[in-house]
Amino acid sequence: MSGADFEKEFGLLFSRREETSERAPSSLKARLYSALIRKQQESGPLASLDESVALGHAICVFEKLVQIAPVGEKAKSPFFCQVCHARVLAEHLDSPPIFWPHCPYVAFKNS
């Protein structure tokens, strides 16, 4: 098989989508999200809440409280979900009882 044929065959193999209605559990999505954010923090601080909002990203109600608090920008850049009960519930339950808007863990439950 020539290199071009191999590339074409390889591309076809991975371009096929298997039809399935099965989705990853929301608890797995939540654990992956938390792990990715922790990994991202290793390279430096996360964007502050003010920067996130300025870029058009929505923030949850708890992050909004921190954003409007009279504290410096450094205090507005930690991963606030790390101490939120929504994260704990979402990482351990596939249908956690969390409902507030703009919470990424609620989005995982609904996807």
C-alpha atoms as a PDB file:
ATOM      1  CA  MET A   1       0.000   0.000   0.000  1.00  0.00           C
ATOM      2  CA  SER A   2       1.432   3.366  -0.989  1.00  0.00           C
ATOM      3  CA  GLY A   3       1.787   6.227   1.465  1.00  0.00           C
ATOM      4  CA  ALA A   4      -1.062   8.170  -0.139  1.00  0.00           C
ATOM      5  CA  ASP A   5      -3.389   5.138   0.024  1.00  0.00           C
ATOM      6  CA  PHE A   6      -2.439   4.558   3.648  1.00  0.00           C
ATOM      7  CA  GLU A   7      -3.170   8.205   4.523  1.00  0.00           C
ATOM      8  CA  LYS A   8      -6.531   8.027   2.736  1.00  0.00           C
ATOM      9  CA  GLU A   9      -7.480   4.766   4.456  1.00  0.00           C
ATOM     10  CA  PHE A  10      -6.333   6.092   7.828  1.00  0.00           C
ATOM     11  CA  GLY A  11      -8.391   9.263   7.327  1.00  0.00           C
ATOM     12  CA  LEU A  12     -11.492   7.289   6.373  1.00  0.00           C
ATOM     13  CA  LEU A  13     -11.130   5.029   9.371  1.00  0.00           C
ATOM     14  CA  PHE A  14     -11.204   7.941  11.815  1.00  0.00           C
ATOM     15  CA  SER A  15     -13.716  10.064   9.944  1.00  0.00           C
ATOM     16  CA  ARG A  16     -16.478   7.502  10.356  1.00  0.00           C
ATOM     17  CA  ARG A  17     -18.849   8.437  13.127  1.00  0.00           C
ATOM     18  CA  GLU A  18     -20.570   5.713  14.968  1.00  0.00           C
ATOM     19  CA  GLU A  19     -24.159   6.581  15.687  1.00  0.00           C
ATOM     20  CA  THR A  20     -24.783   6.230  19.374  1.00  0.00           C
ATOM     21  CA  SER A  21     -27.028   7.945  21.833  1.00  0.00           C
ATOM     22  CA  GLU A  22     -24.730   7.083  24.712  1.00  0.00           C
ATOM     23  CA  ARG A  23     -22.994  10.058  26.296  1.00  0.00           C
ATOM     24  CA  ALA A  24     -20.284  10.377  28.867  1.00  0.00           C
ATOM     25  CA  PRO A  25     -21.666  10.622  32.415  1.00  0.00           C
ATOM     26  CA  SER A  26     -21.864  14.174  33.739  1.00  0.00           C
ATOM     27  CA  SER A  27     -19.768  13.173  36.767  1.00  0.00           C
ATOM     28  CA  LEU A  28     -16.933  12.178  34.412  1.00  0.00           C
ATOM     29  CA  LYS A  29     -17.232  15.492  32.557  1.00  0.00           C
ATOM     30  CA  ALA A  30     -17.104  17.345  35.884  1.00  0.00           C
ATOM     31  CA  ARG A  31     -13.999  15.484  37.063  1.00  0.00           C
ATOM     32  CA  LEU A  32     -12.259  16.095  33.732  1.00  0.00           C
ATOM     33  CA  TYR A  33     -13.115  19.808  33.810  1.00  0.00           C
ATOM     34  CA  SER A  34     -11.765  20.177  37.348  1.00  0.00           C
ATOM     35  CA  ALA A  35      -8.566  18.323  36.411  1.00  0.00           C
ATOM     36  CA  LEU A  36      -8.056  20.468  33.306  1.00  0.00           C
ATOM     37  CA  ILE A  37      -8.472  23.695  35.262  1.00  0.00           C
ATOM     38  CA  ARG A  38      -6.026  22.503  37.948  1.00  0.00           C
ATOM     39  CA  LYS A  39      -3.539  21.613  35.196  1.00  0.00           C
ATOM     40  CA  GLN A  40      -4.026  25.025  33.611  1.00  0.00           C
ATOM     41  CA  GLN A  41      -3.304  26.701  36.969  1.00  0.00           C
ATOM     42  CA  GLU A  42       0.125  25.053  37.000  1.00  0.00           C
ATOM     43  CA  SER A  43       1.219  27.328  34.156  1.00  0.00           C
ATOM     44  CA  GLY A  44       0.104  30.503  35.928  1.00  0.00           C
ATOM     45  CA  PRO A  45      -2.917  32.275  37.346  1.00  0.00           C
ATOM     46  CA  LEU A  46      -6.266  32.000  35.629  1.00  0.00           C
ATOM     47  CA  ALA A  47      -7.841  35.082  34.058  1.00  0.00           C
ATOM     48  CA  SER A  48      -9.554  37.275  36.621  1.00  0.00           C
ATOM     49  CA  LEU A  49     -13.322  37.394  36.808  1.00  0.00           C
ATOM     50  CA  ASP A  50     -13.301  40.950  35.416  1.00  0.00           C
ATOM     51  CA  GLU A  51     -11.268  39.778  32.407  1.00  0.00           C
ATOM     52  CA  SER A  52     -13.583  36.805  31.869  1.00  0.00           C
ATOM     53  CA  VAL A  53     -16.681  38.997  31.910  1.00  0.00           C
ATOM     54  CA  ALA A  54     -15.012  41.566  29.623  1.00  0.00           C
ATOM     55  CA  LEU A  55     -14.366  38.740  27.131  1.00  0.00           C
ATOM     56  CA  GLY A  56     -18.079  37.876  27.164  1.00  0.00           C
ATOM     57  CA  HIS A  57     -17.995  34.819  29.420  1.00  0.00           C
ATOM     58  CA  ALA A  58     -20.790  34.352  31.931  1.00  0.00           C
ATOM     59  CA  ILE A  59     -19.910  33.708  35.565  1.00  0.00           C
ATOM     60  CA  CYS A  60     -21.914  31.941  38.250  1.00  0.00           C
ATOM     61  CA  VAL A  61     -23.669  33.709  41.094  1.00  0.00           C
ATOM     62  CA  PHE A  62     -20.857  32.984  43.563  1.00  0.00           C
ATOM     63  CA  GLU A  63     -18.208  34.279  41.180  1.00  0.00           C
ATOM     64  CA  LYS A  64     -20.351  37.383  40.661  1.00  0.00           C
ATOM     65  CA  LEU A  65     -20.245  38.039  44.416  1.00  0.00           C
ATOM     66  CA  VAL A  66     -16.444  37.893  44.331  1.00  0.00           C
ATOM     67  CA  GLN A  67     -16.297  40.037  41.194  1.00  0.00           C
ATOM     68  CA  ILE A  68     -18.253  42.901  42.772  1.00  0.00           C
ATOM     69  CA  ALA A  69     -16.400  42.656  46.094  1.00  0.00           C
ATOM     70  CA  PRO A  70     -13.876  45.421  46.791  1.00  0.00           C
ATOM     71  CA  VAL A  71     -10.803  43.182  46.468  1.00  0.00           C
ATOM     72  CA  GLY A  72      -7.790  43.246  44.161  1.00  0.00           C
ATOM     73  CA  GLU A  73      -7.491  41.456  40.833  1.00  0.00           C
ATOM     74  CA  LYS A  74      -5.261  38.762  42.322  1.00  0.00           C
ATOM     75  CA  ALA A  75      -8.115  37.735  44.645  1.00  0.00           C
ATOM     76  CA  LYS A  76     -10.416  37.408  41.632  1.00  0.00           C
ATOM     77  CA  SER A  77      -8.425  34.798  39.704  1.00  0.00           C
ATOM     78  CA  PRO A  78      -8.440  31.544  41.728  1.00  0.00           C
ATOM     79  CA  PHE A  79     -10.506  28.552  40.651  1.00  0.00           C
ATOM     80  CA  PHE A  80     -13.528  29.322  42.834  1.00  0.00           C
ATOM     81  CA  CYS A  81     -15.255  26.091  41.848  1.00  0.00           C
ATOM     82  CA  GLN A  82     -12.584  24.266  43.861  1.00  0.00           C
ATOM     83  CA  VAL A  83     -14.379  25.257  47.088  1.00  0.00           C
ATOM     84  CA  CYS A  84     -17.946  25.187  45.746  1.00  0.00           C
ATOM     85  CA  HIS A  85     -20.358  22.462  46.783  1.00  0.00           C
ATOM     86  CA  ALA A  86     -21.642  22.257  43.187  1.00  0.00           C
ATOM     87  CA  ARG A  87     -18.291  20.815  42.087  1.00  0.00           C
ATOM     88  CA  VAL A  88     -18.352  18.163  44.794  1.00  0.00           C
ATOM     89  CA  LEU A  89     -21.918  17.158  43.956  1.00  0.00           C
ATOM     90  CA  ALA A  90     -21.261  17.158  40.210  1.00  0.00           C
ATOM     91  CA  GLU A  91     -18.130  15.029  40.508  1.00  0.00           C
ATOM     92  CA  HIS A  92     -19.934  12.373  42.547  1.00  0.00           C
ATOM     93  CA  LEU A  93     -23.501  12.352  41.175  1.00  0.00           C
ATOM     94  CA  ASP A  94     -24.651  11.981  37.578  1.00  0.00           C
ATOM     95  CA  SER A  95     -27.693  14.151  38.218  1.00  0.00           C
ATOM     96  CA  PRO A  96     -26.624  16.575  40.953  1.00  0.00           C
ATOM     97  CA  PRO A  97     -29.237  18.880  42.526  1.00  0.00           C
ATOM     98  CA  ILE A  98     -27.652  22.101  41.235  1.00  0.00           C
ATOM     99  CA  PHE A  99     -29.571  24.562  39.099  1.00  0.00           C
ATOM    100  CA  TRP A 100     -28.105  28.088  39.114  1.00  0.00           C
ATOM    101  CA  PRO A 101     -27.266  29.769  35.826  1.00  0.00           C
ATOM    102  CA  HIS A 102     -23.771  29.909  34.314  1.00  0.00           C
ATOM    103  CA  CYS A 103     -22.351  27.134  36.479  1.00  0.00           C
ATOM    104  CA  PRO A 104     -20.215  24.838  34.299  1.00  0.00           C
ATOM    105  CA  TYR A 105     -21.190  21.846  36.418  1.00  0.00           C
ATOM    106  CA  VAL A 106     -24.882  22.469  35.714  1.00  0.00           C
ATOM    107  CA  ALA A 107     -24.020  22.582  32.010  1.00  0.00           C
ATOM    108  CA  PHE A 108     -22.411  19.142  32.255  1.00  0.00           C
ATOM    109  CA  LYS A 109     -25.550  17.783  33.868  1.00  0.00           C
ATOM    110  CA  ASN A 110     -27.643  19.137  30.992  1.00  0.00           C
ATOM    111  CA  SER A 111     -25.375  17.921  28.174  1.00  0.00           C
END
